[in-house]
Amino acid sequence: MWWKLLIGAVIGLAIGHFAAPGYWFWVVIGLIAGCLAELWAKRRESSGGAAD
């Protein structure tokens, strides 16, 4: 889980370097996106994988 949060924060930091409103906003958005990715992965895992 922590590596997804870290990846989200790093991506947010990179975006914040180029886009307004700045670093901290995009780092927080990246952390939230990493958390949502973790929840999505756990839900997909518990439902038995792909819904094909």
PDB file of N, CA and C in Angstrom:
ATOM      1  N   MET A   1       0.814  -1.189   0.000  1.00  0.00           N
ATOM      2  CA  MET A   1       0.000   0.000   0.000  1.00  0.00           C
ATOM      3  C   MET A   1       0.864   1.261   0.000  1.00  0.00           C
ATOM      4  N   TRP A   2       1.920   1.256   0.761  1.00  0.00           N
ATOM      5  CA  TRP A   2       2.734   2.465   0.886  1.00  0.00           C
ATOM      6  C   TRP A   2       3.383   2.866  -0.420  1.00  0.00           C
ATOM      7  N   TRP A   3       3.736   1.880  -1.247  1.00  0.00           N
ATOM      8  CA  TRP A   3       4.388   2.243  -2.495  1.00  0.00           C
ATOM      9  C   TRP A   3       3.413   2.929  -3.441  1.00  0.00           C
ATOM     10  N   LYS A   4       2.124   2.597  -3.385  1.00  0.00           N
ATOM     11  CA  LYS A   4       1.132   3.285  -4.220  1.00  0.00           C
ATOM     12  C   LYS A   4       0.960   4.730  -3.766  1.00  0.00           C
ATOM     13  N   LEU A   5       0.967   4.948  -2.468  1.00  0.00           N
ATOM     14  CA  LEU A   5       0.885   6.315  -1.954  1.00  0.00           C
ATOM     15  C   LEU A   5       2.127   7.113  -2.347  1.00  0.00           C
ATOM     16  N   LEU A   6       3.279   6.474  -2.259  1.00  0.00           N
ATOM     17  CA  LEU A   6       4.527   7.143  -2.623  1.00  0.00           C
ATOM     18  C   LEU A   6       4.552   7.499  -4.108  1.00  0.00           C
ATOM     19  N   ILE A   7       4.116   6.571  -4.945  1.00  0.00           N
ATOM     20  CA  ILE A   7       4.070   6.846  -6.386  1.00  0.00           C
ATOM     21  C   ILE A   7       3.108   7.998  -6.667  1.00  0.00           C
ATOM     22  N   GLY A   8       1.948   7.997  -6.012  1.00  0.00           N
ATOM     23  CA  GLY A   8       0.997   9.095  -6.187  1.00  0.00           C
ATOM     24  C   GLY A   8       1.573  10.430  -5.763  1.00  0.00           C
ATOM     25  N   ALA A   9       2.295  10.442  -4.650  1.00  0.00           N
ATOM     26  CA  ALA A   9       2.905  11.685  -4.170  1.00  0.00           C
ATOM     27  C   ALA A   9       3.991  12.174  -5.132  1.00  0.00           C
ATOM     28  N   VAL A  10       4.796  11.273  -5.654  1.00  0.00           N
ATOM     29  CA  VAL A  10       5.863  11.661  -6.579  1.00  0.00           C
ATOM     30  C   VAL A  10       5.266  12.201  -7.879  1.00  0.00           C
ATOM     31  N   ILE A  11       4.225  11.544  -8.378  1.00  0.00           N
ATOM     32  CA  ILE A  11       3.568  12.044  -9.593  1.00  0.00           C
ATOM     33  C   ILE A  11       2.947  13.416  -9.326  1.00  0.00           C
ATOM     34  N   GLY A  12       2.322  13.574  -8.170  1.00  0.00           N
ATOM     35  CA  GLY A  12       1.766  14.867  -7.793  1.00  0.00           C
ATOM     36  C   GLY A  12       2.833  15.936  -7.689  1.00  0.00           C
ATOM     37  N   LEU A  13       3.989  15.585  -7.166  1.00  0.00           N
ATOM     38  CA  LEU A  13       5.098  16.531  -7.065  1.00  0.00           C
ATOM     39  C   LEU A  13       5.575  16.950  -8.446  1.00  0.00           C
ATOM     40  N   ALA A  14       5.643  16.003  -9.368  1.00  0.00           N
ATOM     41  CA  ALA A  14       6.065  16.312 -10.737  1.00  0.00           C
ATOM     42  C   ALA A  14       5.044  17.221 -11.423  1.00  0.00           C
ATOM     43  N   ILE A  15       3.763  16.932 -11.255  1.00  0.00           N
ATOM     44  CA  ILE A  15       2.724  17.776 -11.861  1.00  0.00           C
ATOM     45  C   ILE A  15       2.745  19.164 -11.234  1.00  0.00           C
ATOM     46  N   GLY A  16       2.917  19.220  -9.929  1.00  0.00           N
ATOM     47  CA  GLY A  16       2.951  20.497  -9.224  1.00  0.00           C
ATOM     48  C   GLY A  16       4.102  21.385  -9.640  1.00  0.00           C
ATOM     49  N   HIS A  17       5.138  20.805 -10.191  1.00  0.00           N
ATOM     50  CA  HIS A  17       6.264  21.590 -10.673  1.00  0.00           C
ATOM     51  C   HIS A  17       5.868  22.423 -11.892  1.00  0.00           C
ATOM     52  N   PHE A  18       4.926  21.925 -12.679  1.00  0.00           N
ATOM     53  CA  PHE A  18       4.542  22.589 -13.915  1.00  0.00           C
ATOM     54  C   PHE A  18       3.174  23.258 -13.865  1.00  0.00           C
ATOM     55  N   ALA A  19       2.282  22.812 -12.998  1.00  0.00           N
ATOM     56  CA  ALA A  19       0.902  23.292 -13.013  1.00  0.00           C
ATOM     57  C   ALA A  19       0.550  24.037 -11.733  1.00  0.00           C
ATOM     58  N   ALA A  20      -0.320  25.016 -11.885  1.00  0.00           N
ATOM     59  CA  ALA A  20      -0.854  25.713 -10.721  1.00  0.00           C
ATOM     60  C   ALA A  20      -1.881  24.800 -10.061  1.00  0.00           C
ATOM     61  N   PRO A  21      -2.187  24.861  -8.829  1.00  0.00           N
ATOM     62  CA  PRO A  21      -1.856  25.827  -7.804  1.00  0.00           C
ATOM     63  C   PRO A  21      -0.581  25.528  -7.022  1.00  0.00           C
ATOM     64  N   GLY A  22       0.174  24.527  -7.365  1.00  0.00           N
ATOM     65  CA  GLY A  22       1.450  24.317  -6.704  1.00  0.00           C
ATOM     66  C   GLY A  22       1.658  22.903  -6.210  1.00  0.00           C
ATOM     67  N   TYR A  23       2.817  22.731  -5.572  1.00  0.00           N
ATOM     68  CA  TYR A  23       3.266  21.404  -5.157  1.00  0.00           C
ATOM     69  C   TYR A  23       2.311  20.712  -4.197  1.00  0.00           C
ATOM     70  N   TRP A  24       1.989  21.362  -3.088  1.00  0.00           N
ATOM     71  CA  TRP A  24       1.250  20.681  -2.028  1.00  0.00           C
ATOM     72  C   TRP A  24      -0.112  20.216  -2.476  1.00  0.00           C
ATOM     73  N   PHE A  25      -0.805  21.022  -3.269  1.00  0.00           N
ATOM     74  CA  PHE A  25      -2.107  20.616  -3.776  1.00  0.00           C
ATOM     75  C   PHE A  25      -1.996  19.327  -4.569  1.00  0.00           C
ATOM     76  N   TRP A  26      -1.035  19.263  -5.475  1.00  0.00           N
ATOM     77  CA  TRP A  26      -0.895  18.093  -6.333  1.00  0.00           C
ATOM     78  C   TRP A  26      -0.343  16.890  -5.585  1.00  0.00           C
ATOM     79  N   VAL A  27       0.464  17.115  -4.569  1.00  0.00           N
ATOM     80  CA  VAL A  27       0.941  15.999  -3.739  1.00  0.00           C
ATOM     81  C   VAL A  27      -0.239  15.377  -2.994  1.00  0.00           C
ATOM     82  N   VAL A  28      -1.106  16.211  -2.444  1.00  0.00           N
ATOM     83  CA  VAL A  28      -2.281  15.692  -1.741  1.00  0.00           C
ATOM     84  C   VAL A  28      -3.197  14.949  -2.714  1.00  0.00           C
ATOM     85  N   ILE A  29      -3.404  15.514  -3.901  1.00  0.00           N
ATOM     86  CA  ILE A  29      -4.221  14.836  -4.913  1.00  0.00           C
ATOM     87  C   ILE A  29      -3.577  13.496  -5.283  1.00  0.00           C
ATOM     88  N   GLY A  30      -2.259  13.468  -5.416  1.00  0.00           N
ATOM     89  CA  GLY A  30      -1.555  12.220  -5.721  1.00  0.00           C
ATOM     90  C   GLY A  30      -1.706  11.186  -4.618  1.00  0.00           C
ATOM     91  N   LEU A  31      -1.636  11.625  -3.367  1.00  0.00           N
ATOM     92  CA  LEU A  31      -1.822  10.708  -2.240  1.00  0.00           C
ATOM     93  C   LEU A  31      -3.242  10.137  -2.229  1.00  0.00           C
ATOM     94  N   ILE A  32      -4.216  10.992  -2.490  1.00  0.00           N
ATOM     95  CA  ILE A  32      -5.604  10.524  -2.542  1.00  0.00           C
ATOM     96  C   ILE A  32      -5.777   9.524  -3.688  1.00  0.00           C
ATOM     97  N   ALA A  33      -5.178   9.820  -4.847  1.00  0.00           N
ATOM     98  CA  ALA A  33      -5.267   8.905  -5.986  1.00  0.00           C
ATOM     99  C   ALA A  33      -4.597   7.569  -5.662  1.00  0.00           C
ATOM    100  N   GLY A  34      -3.469   7.600  -4.951  1.00  0.00           N
ATOM    101  CA  GLY A  34      -2.810   6.360  -4.545  1.00  0.00           C
ATOM    102  C   GLY A  34      -3.659   5.544  -3.591  1.00  0.00           C
ATOM    103  N   CYS A  35      -4.330   6.218  -2.677  1.00  0.00           N
ATOM    104  CA  CYS A  35      -5.218   5.533  -1.733  1.00  0.00           C
ATOM    105  C   CYS A  35      -6.402   4.910  -2.472  1.00  0.00           C
ATOM    106  N   LEU A  36      -6.978   5.655  -3.415  1.00  0.00           N
ATOM    107  CA  LEU A  36      -8.091   5.121  -4.196  1.00  0.00           C
ATOM    108  C   LEU A  36      -7.649   3.941  -5.057  1.00  0.00           C
ATOM    109  N   ALA A  37      -6.431   3.998  -5.584  1.00  0.00           N
ATOM    110  CA  ALA A  37      -5.916   2.867  -6.365  1.00  0.00           C
ATOM    111  C   ALA A  37      -5.780   1.629  -5.490  1.00  0.00           C
ATOM    112  N   GLU A  38      -5.346   1.808  -4.265  1.00  0.00           N
ATOM    113  CA  GLU A  38      -5.228   0.685  -3.336  1.00  0.00           C
ATOM    114  C   GLU A  38      -6.598   0.094  -3.019  1.00  0.00           C
ATOM    115  N   LEU A  39      -7.580   0.948  -2.751  1.00  0.00           N
ATOM    116  CA  LEU A  39      -8.927   0.464  -2.473  1.00  0.00           C
ATOM    117  C   LEU A  39      -9.506  -0.264  -3.679  1.00  0.00           C
ATOM    118  N   TRP A  40      -9.285   0.262  -4.870  1.00  0.00           N
ATOM    119  CA  TRP A  40      -9.775  -0.370  -6.088  1.00  0.00           C
ATOM    120  C   TRP A  40      -9.131  -1.740  -6.287  1.00  0.00           C
ATOM    121  N   ALA A  41      -7.830  -1.822  -6.039  1.00  0.00           N
ATOM    122  CA  ALA A  41      -7.121  -3.091  -6.199  1.00  0.00           C
ATOM    123  C   ALA A  41      -7.620  -4.124  -5.188  1.00  0.00           C
ATOM    124  N   LYS A  42      -7.841  -3.707  -3.964  1.00  0.00           N
ATOM    125  CA  LYS A  42      -8.350  -4.636  -2.947  1.00  0.00           C
ATOM    126  C   LYS A  42      -9.763  -5.087  -3.277  1.00  0.00           C
ATOM    127  N   ARG A  43     -10.589  -4.179  -3.752  1.00  0.00           N
ATOM    128  CA  ARG A  43     -11.957  -4.561  -4.111  1.00  0.00           C
ATOM    129  C   ARG A  43     -11.951  -5.533  -5.277  1.00  0.00           C
ATOM    130  N   ARG A  44     -11.098  -5.273  -6.251  1.00  0.00           N
ATOM    131  CA  ARG A  44     -11.005  -6.155  -7.420  1.00  0.00           C
ATOM    132  C   ARG A  44     -10.486  -7.542  -7.002  1.00  0.00           C
ATOM    133  N   GLU A  45      -9.506  -7.552  -6.089  1.00  0.00           N
ATOM    134  CA  GLU A  45      -8.952  -8.818  -5.602  1.00  0.00           C
ATOM    135  C   GLU A  45      -9.999  -9.627  -4.841  1.00  0.00           C
ATOM    136  N   SER A  46     -10.789  -8.935  -4.010  1.00  0.00           N
ATOM    137  CA  SER A  46     -11.775  -9.650  -3.206  1.00  0.00           C
ATOM    138  C   SER A  46     -12.967 -10.113  -4.028  1.00  0.00           C
ATOM    139  N   SER A  47     -13.193  -9.485  -5.187  1.00  0.00           N
ATOM    140  CA  SER A  47     -14.311  -9.911  -6.029  1.00  0.00           C
ATOM    141  C   SER A  47     -13.918 -11.025  -6.989  1.00  0.00           C
ATOM    142  N   GLY A  48     -12.687 -11.450  -6.957  1.00  0.00           N
ATOM    143  CA  GLY A  48     -12.273 -12.571  -7.784  1.00  0.00           C
ATOM    144  C   GLY A  48     -11.587 -12.169  -9.073  1.00  0.00           C
ATOM    145  N   GLY A  49     -11.060 -10.961  -9.138  1.00  0.00           N
ATOM    146  CA  GLY A  49     -10.326 -10.547 -10.336  1.00  0.00           C
ATOM    147  C   GLY A  49     -11.209  -9.876 -11.350  1.00  0.00           C
ATOM    148  N   ALA A  50     -10.870 -10.025 -12.601  1.00  0.00           N
ATOM    149  CA  ALA A  50     -11.591  -9.376 -13.693  1.00  0.00           C
ATOM    150  C   ALA A  50     -13.006  -9.923 -13.809  1.00  0.00           C
ATOM    151  N   ALA A  51     -13.896  -9.062 -14.222  1.00  0.00           N
ATOM    152  CA  ALA A  51     -15.308  -9.445 -14.340  1.00  0.00           C
ATOM    153  C   ALA A  51     -15.624  -9.885 -15.761  1.00  0.00           C
ATOM    154  N   ASP A  52     -14.755 -10.621 -16.377  1.00  0.00           N
ATOM    155  CA  ASP A  52     -14.972 -11.046 -17.783  1.00  0.00           C
ATOM    156  C   ASP A  52     -16.033 -12.079 -17.830  1.00  0.00           C
TER     157      ASP A  52
END
